[in-house]
């Protein structure tokens, strides 16, 4: 089971800021996959927070995106305000 608020709390502030800057429909690159995995507990642990859209093969061309409920939480007004406050 996923803990979306726990994941958000565990993300480094700079990683959360990058996610928010790139927007809700972003394609997750290796840097963001690593950040999500790290926040979720280690390599591969973030798989419950992102999904593949499109073809599963070949492996190197998979396109990873945040799940819709994760997007909703990351881009919720309170999360955005908290991230802005972290910079102050």
PDB file of N, CA and C in Angstrom:
ATOM      1  N   UNK A   1       0.843  -1.181   0.000  1.00  0.00           N
ATOM      2  CA  UNK A   1       0.000   0.000   0.000  1.00  0.00           C
ATOM      3  C   UNK A   1       0.886   1.242   0.000  1.00  0.00           C
ATOM      4  N   UNK A   2       0.461   2.239  -0.736  1.00  0.00           N
ATOM      5  CA  UNK A   2       1.248   3.460  -0.826  1.00  0.00           C
ATOM      6  C   UNK A   2       0.855   4.464   0.245  1.00  0.00           C
ATOM      7  N   UNK A   3       1.823   5.258   0.651  1.00  0.00           N
ATOM      8  CA  UNK A   3       1.616   6.347   1.612  1.00  0.00           C
ATOM      9  C   UNK A   3       2.056   7.631   0.914  1.00  0.00           C
ATOM     10  N   UNK A   4       1.136   8.234   0.192  1.00  0.00           N
ATOM     11  CA  UNK A   4       1.475   9.383  -0.642  1.00  0.00           C
ATOM     12  C   UNK A   4       1.979  10.544   0.205  1.00  0.00           C
ATOM     13  N   UNK A   5       1.311  10.861   1.294  1.00  0.00           N
ATOM     14  CA  UNK A   5       1.766  11.974   2.139  1.00  0.00           C
ATOM     15  C   UNK A   5       3.129  11.662   2.750  1.00  0.00           C
ATOM     16  N   UNK A   6       3.358  10.408   3.107  1.00  0.00           N
ATOM     17  CA  UNK A   6       4.669  10.007   3.616  1.00  0.00           C
ATOM     18  C   UNK A   6       5.751  10.172   2.567  1.00  0.00           C
ATOM     19  N   UNK A   7       5.423   9.809   1.330  1.00  0.00           N
ATOM     20  CA  UNK A   7       6.374   9.988   0.238  1.00  0.00           C
ATOM     21  C   UNK A   7       6.712  11.464   0.056  1.00  0.00           C
ATOM     22  N   UNK A   8       5.696  12.307   0.004  1.00  0.00           N
ATOM     23  CA  UNK A   8       5.913  13.741  -0.181  1.00  0.00           C
ATOM     24  C   UNK A   8       6.780  14.293   0.950  1.00  0.00           C
ATOM     25  N   UNK A   9       6.512  13.868   2.171  1.00  0.00           N
ATOM     26  CA  UNK A   9       7.296  14.332   3.321  1.00  0.00           C
ATOM     27  C   UNK A   9       8.741  13.859   3.256  1.00  0.00           C
ATOM     28  N   UNK A  10       8.964  12.706   2.630  1.00  0.00           N
ATOM     29  CA  UNK A  10      10.304  12.127   2.554  1.00  0.00           C
ATOM     30  C   UNK A  10      11.124  12.621   1.372  1.00  0.00           C
ATOM     31  N   UNK A  11      10.469  13.265   0.409  1.00  0.00           N
ATOM     32  CA  UNK A  11      11.210  13.817  -0.726  1.00  0.00           C
ATOM     33  C   UNK A  11      12.090  14.967  -0.256  1.00  0.00           C
ATOM     34  N   UNK A  12      13.266  15.050  -0.813  1.00  0.00           N
ATOM     35  CA  UNK A  12      14.118  16.211  -0.530  1.00  0.00           C
ATOM     36  C   UNK A  12      13.388  17.449  -1.051  1.00  0.00           C
ATOM     37  N   UNK A  13      13.495  18.573  -0.364  1.00  0.00           N
ATOM     38  CA  UNK A  13      12.808  19.786  -0.822  1.00  0.00           C
ATOM     39  C   UNK A  13      13.135  20.138  -2.273  1.00  0.00           C
ATOM     40  N   UNK A  14      14.381  19.965  -2.665  1.00  0.00           N
ATOM     41  CA  UNK A  14      14.750  20.294  -4.044  1.00  0.00           C
ATOM     42  C   UNK A  14      14.110  19.340  -5.049  1.00  0.00           C
ATOM     43  N   UNK A  15      13.924  18.064  -4.658  1.00  0.00           N
ATOM     44  CA  UNK A  15      13.265  17.105  -5.551  1.00  0.00           C
ATOM     45  C   UNK A  15      11.780  17.420  -5.695  1.00  0.00           C
ATOM     46  N   UNK A  16      11.139  17.773  -4.587  1.00  0.00           N
ATOM     47  CA  UNK A  16       9.731  18.168  -4.638  1.00  0.00           C
ATOM     48  C   UNK A  16       9.572  19.419  -5.498  1.00  0.00           C
ATOM     49  N   UNK A  17      10.489  20.365  -5.355  1.00  0.00           N
ATOM     50  CA  UNK A  17      10.427  21.592  -6.157  1.00  0.00           C
ATOM     51  C   UNK A  17      10.562  21.282  -7.644  1.00  0.00           C
ATOM     52  N   UNK A  18      11.452  20.364  -8.005  1.00  0.00           N
ATOM     53  CA  UNK A  18      11.620  19.991  -9.411  1.00  0.00           C
ATOM     54  C   UNK A  18      10.352  19.333  -9.938  1.00  0.00           C
ATOM     55  N   UNK A  19       9.772  18.425  -9.162  1.00  0.00           N
ATOM     56  CA  UNK A  19       8.523  17.783  -9.581  1.00  0.00           C
ATOM     57  C   UNK A  19       7.447  18.832  -9.838  1.00  0.00           C
ATOM     58  N   UNK A  20       7.333  19.787  -8.933  1.00  0.00           N
ATOM     59  CA  UNK A  20       6.311  20.816  -9.076  1.00  0.00           C
ATOM     60  C   UNK A  20       6.609  21.750 -10.248  1.00  0.00           C
ATOM     61  N   UNK A  21       7.858  22.056 -10.482  1.00  0.00           N
ATOM     62  CA  UNK A  21       8.227  22.921 -11.612  1.00  0.00           C
ATOM     63  C   UNK A  21       7.915  22.256 -12.949  1.00  0.00           C
ATOM     64  N   UNK A  22       8.119  20.955 -13.036  1.00  0.00           N
ATOM     65  CA  UNK A  22       7.930  20.240 -14.301  1.00  0.00           C
ATOM     66  C   UNK A  22       6.462  19.984 -14.623  1.00  0.00           C
ATOM     67  N   UNK A  23       5.600  20.134 -13.653  1.00  0.00           N
ATOM     68  CA  UNK A  23       4.167  20.031 -13.905  1.00  0.00           C
ATOM     69  C   UNK A  23       3.596  18.635 -13.773  1.00  0.00           C
ATOM     70  N   UNK A  24       2.264  18.556 -13.721  1.00  0.00           N
ATOM     71  CA  UNK A  24       1.581  17.291 -13.439  1.00  0.00           C
ATOM     72  C   UNK A  24       1.700  16.231 -14.529  1.00  0.00           C
ATOM     73  N   UNK A  25       1.897  16.601 -15.775  1.00  0.00           N
ATOM     74  CA  UNK A  25       1.938  15.605 -16.848  1.00  0.00           C
ATOM     75  C   UNK A  25       3.336  15.180 -17.240  1.00  0.00           C
ATOM     76  N   UNK A  26       4.300  15.484 -16.402  1.00  0.00           N
ATOM     77  CA  UNK A  26       5.696  15.254 -16.754  1.00  0.00           C
ATOM     78  C   UNK A  26       6.057  13.793 -16.965  1.00  0.00           C
ATOM     79  N   UNK A  27       7.032  13.605 -17.812  1.00  0.00           N
ATOM     80  CA  UNK A  27       7.668  12.310 -17.999  1.00  0.00           C
ATOM     81  C   UNK A  27       8.786  12.252 -16.968  1.00  0.00           C
ATOM     82  N   UNK A  28       8.796  11.198 -16.156  1.00  0.00           N
ATOM     83  CA  UNK A  28       9.807  11.079 -15.108  1.00  0.00           C
ATOM     84  C   UNK A  28      11.096  10.513 -15.683  1.00  0.00           C
ATOM     85  N   UNK A  29      12.154  11.278 -15.559  1.00  0.00           N
ATOM     86  CA  UNK A  29      13.463  10.816 -15.984  1.00  0.00           C
ATOM     87  C   UNK A  29      14.122  10.006 -14.881  1.00  0.00           C
ATOM     88  N   UNK A  30      15.278   9.455 -15.167  1.00  0.00           N
ATOM     89  CA  UNK A  30      15.990   8.655 -14.168  1.00  0.00           C
ATOM     90  C   UNK A  30      16.254   9.403 -12.866  1.00  0.00           C
ATOM     91  N   UNK A  31      16.495  10.717 -12.944  1.00  0.00           N
ATOM     92  CA  UNK A  31      16.743  11.499 -11.733  1.00  0.00           C
ATOM     93  C   UNK A  31      15.530  11.518 -10.816  1.00  0.00           C
ATOM     94  N   UNK A  32      14.349  11.707 -11.388  1.00  0.00           N
ATOM     95  CA  UNK A  32      13.135  11.750 -10.570  1.00  0.00           C
ATOM     96  C   UNK A  32      12.723  10.352 -10.107  1.00  0.00           C
ATOM     97  N   UNK A  33      12.935   9.349 -10.936  1.00  0.00           N
ATOM     98  CA  UNK A  33      12.658   7.973 -10.496  1.00  0.00           C
ATOM     99  C   UNK A  33      13.527   7.637  -9.290  1.00  0.00           C
ATOM    100  N   UNK A  34      14.803   8.012  -9.346  1.00  0.00           N
ATOM    101  CA  UNK A  34      15.707   7.776  -8.215  1.00  0.00           C
ATOM    102  C   UNK A  34      15.254   8.536  -6.975  1.00  0.00           C
ATOM    103  N   UNK A  35      14.828   9.788  -7.161  1.00  0.00           N
ATOM    104  CA  UNK A  35      14.372  10.593  -6.025  1.00  0.00           C
ATOM    105  C   UNK A  35      13.134   9.979  -5.374  1.00  0.00           C
ATOM    106  N   UNK A  36      12.199   9.513  -6.188  1.00  0.00           N
ATOM    107  CA  UNK A  36      10.980   8.899  -5.661  1.00  0.00           C
ATOM    108  C   UNK A  36      11.308   7.581  -4.975  1.00  0.00           C
ATOM    109  N   UNK A  37      12.158   6.770  -5.605  1.00  0.00           N
ATOM    110  CA  UNK A  37      12.571   5.508  -4.982  1.00  0.00           C
ATOM    111  C   UNK A  37      13.251   5.764  -3.636  1.00  0.00           C
ATOM    112  N   UNK A  38      14.154   6.735  -3.589  1.00  0.00           N
ATOM    113  CA  UNK A  38      14.875   7.067  -2.356  1.00  0.00           C
ATOM    114  C   UNK A  38      13.891   7.482  -1.264  1.00  0.00           C
ATOM    115  N   UNK A  39      12.924   8.328  -1.617  1.00  0.00           N
ATOM    116  CA  UNK A  39      11.934   8.791  -0.638  1.00  0.00           C
ATOM    117  C   UNK A  39      11.033   7.658  -0.168  1.00  0.00           C
ATOM    118  N   UNK A  40      10.831   6.664  -1.025  1.00  0.00           N
ATOM    119  CA  UNK A  40       9.955   5.534  -0.679  1.00  0.00           C
ATOM    120  C   UNK A  40      10.694   4.432   0.072  1.00  0.00           C
ATOM    121  N   UNK A  41      12.015   4.542   0.201  1.00  0.00           N
ATOM    122  CA  UNK A  41      12.733   3.562   1.004  1.00  0.00           C
ATOM    123  C   UNK A  41      13.901   2.874   0.333  1.00  0.00           C
ATOM    124  N   UNK A  42      14.158   3.154  -0.926  1.00  0.00           N
ATOM    125  CA  UNK A  42      15.326   2.565  -1.574  1.00  0.00           C
ATOM    126  C   UNK A  42      15.048   2.180  -3.014  1.00  0.00           C
ATOM    127  N   UNK A  43      16.051   1.601  -3.662  1.00  0.00           N
ATOM    128  CA  UNK A  43      15.922   1.257  -5.081  1.00  0.00           C
ATOM    129  C   UNK A  43      14.673   0.420  -5.393  1.00  0.00           C
ATOM    130  N   UNK A  44      13.876   0.903  -6.337  1.00  0.00           N
ATOM    131  CA  UNK A  44      12.680   0.198  -6.768  1.00  0.00           C
ATOM    132  C   UNK A  44      11.471   0.349  -5.860  1.00  0.00           C
ATOM    133  N   UNK A  45      11.633   0.977  -4.715  1.00  0.00           N
ATOM    134  CA  UNK A  45      10.527   1.081  -3.750  1.00  0.00           C
ATOM    135  C   UNK A  45       9.455   2.082  -4.157  1.00  0.00           C
ATOM    136  N   UNK A  46       9.748   2.951  -5.101  1.00  0.00           N
ATOM    137  CA  UNK A  46       8.777   3.952  -5.522  1.00  0.00           C
ATOM    138  C   UNK A  46       7.832   3.487  -6.599  1.00  0.00           C
ATOM    139  N   UNK A  47       7.957   2.233  -7.019  1.00  0.00           N
ATOM    140  CA  UNK A  47       7.132   1.737  -8.130  1.00  0.00           C
ATOM    141  C   UNK A  47       5.643   1.882  -7.899  1.00  0.00           C
ATOM    142  N   UNK A  48       5.187   1.967  -6.696  1.00  0.00           N
ATOM    143  CA  UNK A  48       3.766   2.150  -6.442  1.00  0.00           C
ATOM    144  C   UNK A  48       3.286   3.576  -6.656  1.00  0.00           C
ATOM    145  N   UNK A  49       4.217   4.488  -6.880  1.00  0.00           N
ATOM    146  CA  UNK A  49       3.865   5.901  -7.020  1.00  0.00           C
ATOM    147  C   UNK A  49       3.912   6.388  -8.461  1.00  0.00           C
ATOM    148  N   UNK A  50       4.525   5.607  -9.341  1.00  0.00           N
ATOM    149  CA  UNK A  50       4.574   5.966 -10.751  1.00  0.00           C
ATOM    150  C   UNK A  50       4.160   4.781 -11.607  1.00  0.00           C
ATOM    151  N   UNK A  51       3.735   5.074 -12.814  1.00  0.00           N
ATOM    152  CA  UNK A  51       3.238   4.050 -13.722  1.00  0.00           C
ATOM    153  C   UNK A  51       3.877   4.220 -15.097  1.00  0.00           C
ATOM    154  N   UNK A  52       3.780   3.166 -15.893  1.00  0.00           N
ATOM    155  CA  UNK A  52       4.236   3.232 -17.285  1.00  0.00           C
ATOM    156  C   UNK A  52       3.025   3.552 -18.142  1.00  0.00           C
ATOM    157  N   UNK A  53       3.197   4.541 -19.005  1.00  0.00           N
ATOM    158  CA  UNK A  53       2.169   4.845 -20.003  1.00  0.00           C
ATOM    159  C   UNK A  53       2.769   4.523 -21.357  1.00  0.00           C
ATOM    160  N   UNK A  54       2.035   3.799 -22.137  1.00  0.00           N
ATOM    161  CA  UNK A  54       2.540   3.399 -23.441  1.00  0.00           C
ATOM    162  C   UNK A  54       3.107   1.993 -23.393  1.00  0.00           C
ATOM    163  N   UNK A  55       4.001   1.715 -24.295  1.00  0.00           N
ATOM    164  CA  UNK A  55       4.560   0.386 -24.454  1.00  0.00           C
ATOM    165  C   UNK A  55       5.497   0.006 -23.309  1.00  0.00           C
ATOM    166  N   UNK A  56       5.443  -1.261 -22.936  1.00  0.00           N
ATOM    167  CA  UNK A  56       6.347  -1.766 -21.911  1.00  0.00           C
ATOM    168  C   UNK A  56       7.683  -2.222 -22.500  1.00  0.00           C
ATOM    169  N   UNK A  57       7.713  -2.431 -23.798  1.00  0.00           N
ATOM    170  CA  UNK A  57       8.943  -2.870 -24.448  1.00  0.00           C
ATOM    171  C   UNK A  57       9.280  -1.932 -25.588  1.00  0.00           C
ATOM    172  N   UNK A  58      10.506  -1.650 -25.857  1.00  0.00           N
ATOM    173  CA  UNK A  58      11.678  -2.104 -25.117  1.00  0.00           C
ATOM    174  C   UNK A  58      11.822  -1.369 -23.781  1.00  0.00           C
ATOM    175  N   UNK A  59      12.471  -1.996 -22.862  1.00  0.00           N
ATOM    176  CA  UNK A  59      12.621  -1.484 -21.492  1.00  0.00           C
ATOM    177  C   UNK A  59      13.173  -0.060 -21.469  1.00  0.00           C
ATOM    178  N   UNK A  60      14.177   0.207 -22.274  1.00  0.00           N
ATOM    179  CA  UNK A  60      14.820   1.528 -22.247  1.00  0.00           C
ATOM    180  C   UNK A  60      13.936   2.643 -22.803  1.00  0.00           C
ATOM    181  N   UNK A  61      12.817   2.307 -23.413  1.00  0.00           N
ATOM    182  CA  UNK A  61      11.921   3.341 -23.951  1.00  0.00           C
ATOM    183  C   UNK A  61      10.638   3.502 -23.134  1.00  0.00           C
ATOM    184  N   UNK A  62      10.576   2.852 -21.989  1.00  0.00           N
ATOM    185  CA  UNK A  62       9.397   3.013 -21.128  1.00  0.00           C
ATOM    186  C   UNK A  62       9.259   4.464 -20.696  1.00  0.00           C
ATOM    187  N   UNK A  63       8.018   4.908 -20.631  1.00  0.00           N
ATOM    188  CA  UNK A  63       7.739   6.278 -20.196  1.00  0.00           C
ATOM    189  C   UNK A  63       7.015   6.220 -18.850  1.00  0.00           C
ATOM    190  N   UNK A  64       7.681   6.714 -17.829  1.00  0.00           N
ATOM    191  CA  UNK A  64       7.138   6.693 -16.470  1.00  0.00           C
ATOM    192  C   UNK A  64       6.496   8.034 -16.145  1.00  0.00           C
ATOM    193  N   UNK A  65       5.321   7.954 -15.508  1.00  0.00           N
ATOM    194  CA  UNK A  65       4.566   9.133 -15.090  1.00  0.00           C
ATOM    195  C   UNK A  65       4.069   8.901 -13.666  1.00  0.00           C
ATOM    196  N   UNK A  66       3.860   9.987 -12.937  1.00  0.00           N
ATOM    197  CA  UNK A  66       3.267   9.874 -11.610  1.00  0.00           C
ATOM    198  C   UNK A  66       1.833   9.381 -11.729  1.00  0.00           C
ATOM    199  N   UNK A  67       1.402   8.579 -10.759  1.00  0.00           N
ATOM    200  CA  UNK A  67      -0.008   8.181 -10.715  1.00  0.00           C
ATOM    201  C   UNK A  67      -0.860   9.417 -10.495  1.00  0.00           C
ATOM    202  N   UNK A  68      -2.099   9.369 -10.950  1.00  0.00           N
ATOM    203  CA  UNK A  68      -3.000  10.518 -10.841  1.00  0.00           C
ATOM    204  C   UNK A  68      -3.215  10.965  -9.394  1.00  0.00           C
ATOM    205  N   UNK A  69      -3.317  10.023  -8.457  1.00  0.00           N
ATOM    206  CA  UNK A  69      -3.530  10.413  -7.062  1.00  0.00           C
ATOM    207  C   UNK A  69      -2.271  11.034  -6.456  1.00  0.00           C
ATOM    208  N   UNK A  70      -1.104  10.633  -6.936  1.00  0.00           N
ATOM    209  CA  UNK A  70       0.146  11.240  -6.482  1.00  0.00           C
ATOM    210  C   UNK A  70       0.245  12.660  -7.039  1.00  0.00           C
ATOM    211  N   UNK A  71      -0.116  12.838  -8.304  1.00  0.00           N
ATOM    212  CA  UNK A  71      -0.141  14.168  -8.916  1.00  0.00           C
ATOM    213  C   UNK A  71      -1.072  15.081  -8.121  1.00  0.00           C
ATOM    214  N   UNK A  72      -2.261  14.599  -7.792  1.00  0.00           N
ATOM    215  CA  UNK A  72      -3.229  15.410  -7.045  1.00  0.00           C
ATOM    216  C   UNK A  72      -2.651  15.857  -5.707  1.00  0.00           C
ATOM    217  N   UNK A  73      -1.936  14.973  -5.033  1.00  0.00           N
ATOM    218  CA  UNK A  73      -1.358  15.320  -3.732  1.00  0.00           C
ATOM    219  C   UNK A  73      -0.188  16.289  -3.874  1.00  0.00           C
ATOM    220  N   UNK A  74       0.664  16.065  -4.843  1.00  0.00           N
ATOM    221  CA  UNK A  74       1.838  16.929  -5.025  1.00  0.00           C
ATOM    222  C   UNK A  74       1.431  18.336  -5.455  1.00  0.00           C
ATOM    223  N   UNK A  75       0.366  18.421  -6.236  1.00  0.00           N
ATOM    224  CA  UNK A  75      -0.057  19.719  -6.740  1.00  0.00           C
ATOM    225  C   UNK A  75      -1.236  20.303  -5.973  1.00  0.00           C
ATOM    226  N   UNK A  76      -1.541  19.751  -4.809  1.00  0.00           N
ATOM    227  CA  UNK A  76      -2.582  20.310  -3.947  1.00  0.00           C
ATOM    228  C   UNK A  76      -2.111  21.680  -3.438  1.00  0.00           C
ATOM    229  N   UNK A  77      -3.021  22.630  -3.293  1.00  0.00           N
ATOM    230  CA  UNK A  77      -2.628  23.968  -2.852  1.00  0.00           C
ATOM    231  C   UNK A  77      -1.790  23.970  -1.578  1.00  0.00           C
ATOM    232  N   UNK A  78      -2.089  23.110  -0.615  1.00  0.00           N
ATOM    233  CA  UNK A  78      -1.327  23.110   0.645  1.00  0.00           C
ATOM    234  C   UNK A  78       0.097  22.635   0.424  1.00  0.00           C
ATOM    235  N   UNK A  79       0.301  21.687  -0.498  1.00  0.00           N
ATOM    236  CA  UNK A  79       1.653  21.208  -0.792  1.00  0.00           C
ATOM    237  C   UNK A  79       2.454  22.289  -1.499  1.00  0.00           C
ATOM    238  N   UNK A  80       1.810  22.982  -2.419  1.00  0.00           N
ATOM    239  CA  UNK A  80       2.488  24.064  -3.139  1.00  0.00           C
ATOM    240  C   UNK A  80       2.875  25.178  -2.190  1.00  0.00           C
ATOM    241  N   UNK A  81       2.004  25.522  -1.249  1.00  0.00           N
ATOM    242  CA  UNK A  81       2.301  26.561  -0.275  1.00  0.00           C
ATOM    243  C   UNK A  81       3.461  26.138   0.615  1.00  0.00           C
ATOM    244  N   UNK A  82       3.472  24.875   1.023  1.00  0.00           N
ATOM    245  CA  UNK A  82       4.553  24.371   1.869  1.00  0.00           C
ATOM    246  C   UNK A  82       5.890  24.418   1.168  1.00  0.00           C
ATOM    247  N   UNK A  83       5.902  24.072  -0.112  1.00  0.00           N
ATOM    248  CA  UNK A  83       7.145  24.115  -0.878  1.00  0.00           C
ATOM    249  C   UNK A  83       7.629  25.554  -1.036  1.00  0.00           C
ATOM    250  N   UNK A  84       6.711  26.473  -1.252  1.00  0.00           N
ATOM    251  CA  UNK A  84       7.094  27.884  -1.388  1.00  0.00           C
ATOM    252  C   UNK A  84       7.629  28.406  -0.074  1.00  0.00           C
ATOM    253  N   UNK A  85       7.053  27.973   1.018  1.00  0.00           N
ATOM    254  CA  UNK A  85       7.504  28.412   2.335  1.00  0.00           C
ATOM    255  C   UNK A  85       8.879  27.884   2.705  1.00  0.00           C
ATOM    256  N   UNK A  86       9.261  26.733   2.132  1.00  0.00           N
ATOM    257  CA  UNK A  86      10.558  26.146   2.420  1.00  0.00           C
ATOM    258  C   UNK A  86      11.688  27.001   1.857  1.00  0.00           C
ATOM    259  N   UNK A  87      11.401  27.770   0.804  1.00  0.00           N
ATOM    260  CA  UNK A  87      12.417  28.611   0.187  1.00  0.00           C
ATOM    261  C   UNK A  87      12.619  29.924   0.940  1.00  0.00           C
ATOM    262  N   UNK A  88      11.654  30.299   1.761  1.00  0.00           N
ATOM    263  CA  UNK A  88      11.710  31.593   2.430  1.00  0.00           C
ATOM    264  C   UNK A  88      12.690  31.609   3.588  1.00  0.00           C
TER     265      UNK A  88
END
